[in-house]
C-alpha atoms as a PDB file:
ATOM      1  CA  MET A   1       0.000   0.000   0.000  1.00  0.00           C
ATOM      2  CA  LYS A   2       1.271   3.492  -0.827  1.00  0.00           C
ATOM      3  CA  ILE A   3       0.801   6.069   1.897  1.00  0.00           C
ATOM      4  CA  ALA A   4       1.622   9.784   2.088  1.00  0.00           C
ATOM      5  CA  ILE A   5       2.785  11.362   5.333  1.00  0.00           C
ATOM      6  CA  SER A   6       2.788  15.167   5.599  1.00  0.00           C
ATOM      7  CA  ALA A   7       6.354  16.152   6.405  1.00  0.00           C
ATOM      8  CA  GLN A   8       8.453  19.197   7.267  1.00  0.00           C
ATOM      9  CA  GLY A   9      11.458  17.810   5.377  1.00  0.00           C
ATOM     10  CA  GLN A  10      12.504  15.280   2.784  1.00  0.00           C
ATOM     11  CA  ASP A  11      13.620  12.284   4.867  1.00  0.00           C
ATOM     12  CA  LEU A  12      12.213   9.774   7.336  1.00  0.00           C
ATOM     13  CA  GLU A  13      13.738  11.626  10.294  1.00  0.00           C
ATOM     14  CA  SER A  14      11.853  14.834   9.404  1.00  0.00           C
ATOM     15  CA  PHE A  15       8.987  15.745  11.675  1.00  0.00           C
ATOM     16  CA  VAL A  16       5.389  15.186  10.643  1.00  0.00           C
ATOM     17  CA  ASP A  17       3.895  18.465   9.452  1.00  0.00           C
ATOM     18  CA  GLN A  18       0.683  19.040  11.389  1.00  0.00           C
ATOM     19  CA  ARG A  19      -0.935  20.689   8.349  1.00  0.00           C
ATOM     20  CA  PHE A  20      -1.995  18.447   5.471  1.00  0.00           C
ATOM     21  CA  GLY A  21      -2.823  21.085   2.852  1.00  0.00           C
ATOM     22  CA  ARG A  22       0.057  23.406   3.644  1.00  0.00           C
ATOM     23  CA  CYS A  23       2.769  20.896   4.500  1.00  0.00           C
ATOM     24  CA  SER A  24       6.192  21.371   2.922  1.00  0.00           C
ATOM     25  CA  TRP A  25       6.609  17.788   1.687  1.00  0.00           C
ATOM     26  CA  PHE A  26       4.812  14.494   1.311  1.00  0.00           C
ATOM     27  CA  ALA A  27       6.768  11.402   2.213  1.00  0.00           C
ATOM     28  CA  ILE A  28       5.289   8.779  -0.104  1.00  0.00           C
ATOM     29  CA  ILE A  29       6.087   5.292   1.095  1.00  0.00           C
ATOM     30  CA  ASP A  30       5.202   1.838  -0.204  1.00  0.00           C
ATOM     31  CA  THR A  31       4.535  -0.050   3.030  1.00  0.00           C
ATOM     32  CA  GLU A  32       5.210  -3.415   1.369  1.00  0.00           C
ATOM     33  CA  THR A  33       8.501  -2.673  -0.434  1.00  0.00           C
ATOM     34  CA  GLY A  34       9.793   0.224   1.671  1.00  0.00           C
ATOM     35  CA  ASP A  35      10.274   2.370  -1.451  1.00  0.00           C
ATOM     36  CA  TYR A  36      10.342   6.034  -0.466  1.00  0.00           C
ATOM     37  CA  GLN A  37       9.931   9.300  -2.347  1.00  0.00           C
ATOM     38  CA  ALA A  38       9.739  12.918  -1.146  1.00  0.00           C
ATOM     39  CA  VAL A  39       7.261  15.027  -3.125  1.00  0.00           C
ATOM     40  CA  ALA A  40       7.334  18.816  -2.744  1.00  0.00           C
ATOM     41  CA  ASN A  41       4.145  20.672  -1.856  1.00  0.00           C
ATOM     42  CA  GLU A  42       5.662  24.163  -2.064  1.00  0.00           C
ATOM     43  CA  GLN A  43       2.992  25.585  -4.371  1.00  0.00           C
ATOM     44  CA  ASN A  44       0.449  25.186  -1.556  1.00  0.00           C
ATOM     45  CA  LEU A  45       2.441  26.633   1.349  1.00  0.00           C
ATOM     46  CA  ASN A  46       1.096  30.145   0.860  1.00  0.00           C
ATOM     47  CA  ALA A  47      -1.902  29.532  -1.388  1.00  0.00           C
ATOM     48  CA  ALA A  48      -4.760  31.960  -0.733  1.00  0.00           C
ATOM     49  CA  GLN A  49      -7.281  29.141  -1.054  1.00  0.00           C
ATOM     50  CA  GLY A  50      -7.562  25.575  -2.274  1.00  0.00           C
ATOM     51  CA  ALA A  51      -4.357  24.303  -0.635  1.00  0.00           C
ATOM     52  CA  GLY A  52      -6.071  21.223   0.801  1.00  0.00           C
ATOM     53  CA  ILE A  53      -7.806  20.352  -2.452  1.00  0.00           C
ATOM     54  CA  GLN A  54      -4.601  20.739  -4.469  1.00  0.00           C
ATOM     55  CA  SER A  55      -2.626  18.714  -1.919  1.00  0.00           C
ATOM     56  CA  ALA A  56      -5.221  15.937  -2.116  1.00  0.00           C
ATOM     57  CA  GLU A  57      -4.822  15.971  -5.898  1.00  0.00           C
ATOM     58  CA  ILE A  58      -1.035  15.627  -5.546  1.00  0.00           C
ATOM     59  CA  VAL A  59      -1.263  12.529  -3.372  1.00  0.00           C
ATOM     60  CA  SER A  60      -3.966  11.069  -5.594  1.00  0.00           C
ATOM     61  CA  ARG A  61      -1.803  11.516  -8.713  1.00  0.00           C
ATOM     62  CA  ASN A  62       0.960   9.636  -6.897  1.00  0.00           C
ATOM     63  CA  GLY A  63      -1.239   6.584  -6.382  1.00  0.00           C
ATOM     64  CA  VAL A  64      -1.562   7.007  -2.622  1.00  0.00           C
ATOM     65  CA  GLU A  65      -4.200   4.909  -0.839  1.00  0.00           C
ATOM     66  CA  ALA A  66      -3.897   6.504   2.624  1.00  0.00           C
ATOM     67  CA  VAL A  67      -2.729   9.823   4.106  1.00  0.00           C
ATOM     68  CA  VAL A  68      -1.187  10.207   7.554  1.00  0.00           C
ATOM     69  CA  THR A  69      -1.053  13.748   8.965  1.00  0.00           C
ATOM     70  CA  GLY A  70      -1.582  15.866  12.041  1.00  0.00           C
ATOM     71  CA  HIS A  71      -4.764  17.654  10.979  1.00  0.00           C
ATOM     72  CA  CYS A  72      -6.980  17.967   7.910  1.00  0.00           C
ATOM     73  CA  GLY A  73      -9.585  20.561   6.930  1.00  0.00           C
ATOM     74  CA  PRO A  74     -13.034  19.949   5.438  1.00  0.00           C
ATOM     75  CA  LYS A  75     -12.306  20.569   1.746  1.00  0.00           C
ATOM     76  CA  ALA A  76      -9.224  18.347   1.754  1.00  0.00           C
ATOM     77  CA  PHE A  77     -11.143  15.674   3.677  1.00  0.00           C
ATOM     78  CA  ARG A  78     -13.949  15.665   1.107  1.00  0.00           C
ATOM     79  CA  THR A  79     -11.492  15.556  -1.810  1.00  0.00           C
ATOM     80  CA  LEU A  80      -9.564  12.643  -0.278  1.00  0.00           C
ATOM     81  CA  ASN A  81     -12.835  10.865   0.479  1.00  0.00           C
ATOM     82  CA  VAL A  82     -14.104  11.217  -3.110  1.00  0.00           C
ATOM     83  CA  ALA A  83     -10.742   9.896  -4.378  1.00  0.00           C
ATOM     84  CA  GLY A  84     -11.092   6.837  -2.123  1.00  0.00           C
ATOM     85  CA  ILE A  85      -8.041   7.779  -0.045  1.00  0.00           C
ATOM     86  CA  LYS A  86      -8.197   6.925   3.656  1.00  0.00           C
ATOM     87  CA  LEU A  87      -7.172   9.609   6.155  1.00  0.00           C
ATOM     88  CA  PHE A  88      -5.417   9.136   9.484  1.00  0.00           C
ATOM     89  CA  THR A  89      -5.012  12.267  11.643  1.00  0.00           C
ATOM     90  CA  GLY A  90      -3.296  12.875  14.966  1.00  0.00           C
ATOM     91  CA  ALA A  91       0.175  11.818  13.780  1.00  0.00           C
ATOM     92  CA  GLU A  92       3.183  13.381  15.490  1.00  0.00           C
ATOM     93  CA  GLY A  93       6.892  12.805  15.908  1.00  0.00           C
ATOM     94  CA  THR A  94       9.037  11.862  12.925  1.00  0.00           C
ATOM     95  CA  VAL A  95       7.864  10.458   9.619  1.00  0.00           C
ATOM     96  CA  ALA A  96       9.449   7.140  10.687  1.00  0.00           C
ATOM     97  CA  ASP A  97       7.409   7.228  13.934  1.00  0.00           C
ATOM     98  CA  ALA A  98       4.188   7.891  12.020  1.00  0.00           C
ATOM     99  CA  LEU A  99       4.995   5.089   9.568  1.00  0.00           C
ATOM    100  CA  ASP A 100       5.555   2.641  12.450  1.00  0.00           C
ATOM    101  CA  LYS A 101       2.269   3.668  14.091  1.00  0.00           C
ATOM    102  CA  PHE A 102       0.425   3.278  10.787  1.00  0.00           C
ATOM    103  CA  LYS A 103       1.898  -0.184  10.174  1.00  0.00           C
ATOM    104  CA  SER A 104       1.067  -1.346  13.706  1.00  0.00           C
ATOM    105  CA  GLY A 105      -2.548  -0.148  13.447  1.00  0.00           C
ATOM    106  CA  ALA A 106      -2.083   2.436  16.203  1.00  0.00           C
ATOM    107  CA  LEU A 107      -3.691   5.219  14.121  1.00  0.00           C
ATOM    108  CA  THR A 108      -7.456   5.505  13.709  1.00  0.00           C
ATOM    109  CA  GLU A 109      -9.036   6.353  10.378  1.00  0.00           C
ATOM    110  CA  ALA A 110     -10.636   9.817  10.422  1.00  0.00           C
ATOM    111  CA  GLN A 111     -14.360  10.030   9.794  1.00  0.00           C
ATOM    112  CA  ASP A 112     -14.373  13.789   9.232  1.00  0.00           C
ATOM    113  CA  ALA A 113     -12.147  16.873   9.141  1.00  0.00           C
ATOM    114  CA  ASP A 114     -10.700  17.799  12.524  1.00  0.00           C
ATOM    115  CA  VAL A 115      -9.995  21.506  11.904  1.00  0.00           C
ATOM    116  CA  GLU A 116     -11.674  24.358  10.039  1.00  0.00           C
ATOM    117  CA  GLY A 117     -10.479  25.560   6.656  1.00  0.00           C
ATOM    118  CA  HIS A 118      -7.412  27.861   6.550  1.00  0.00           C
ATOM    119  CA  TRP A 119      -6.158  26.375   9.825  1.00  0.00           C
ATOM    120  CA  ILE A 120      -2.556  27.336  10.575  1.00  0.00           C
END
């Protein structure tokens, strides 16, 4: 399964970015093979609007089946939901920590957005 973890940097020791739509990077990881790729999200860092929707489109284009992040707003949640991508919020620590928690089943799938739009 390919997952995307919102990240502050490009490697597994980077911290999880608490913002999905305005994160700096997505760590895209194949949980079966361990293949890893850092995908920039710089165009959405300072977007006036639509950052969550555009970020959801980025992960969807990369074949991601689940997103792990700190928080997610309503528009991004709906876009991920329509794309069939599962969302897991409440992640913290490093990307490696979040990956371990995801693999062990310690994260719960989100049923709705947990912050308002334009949350910073």
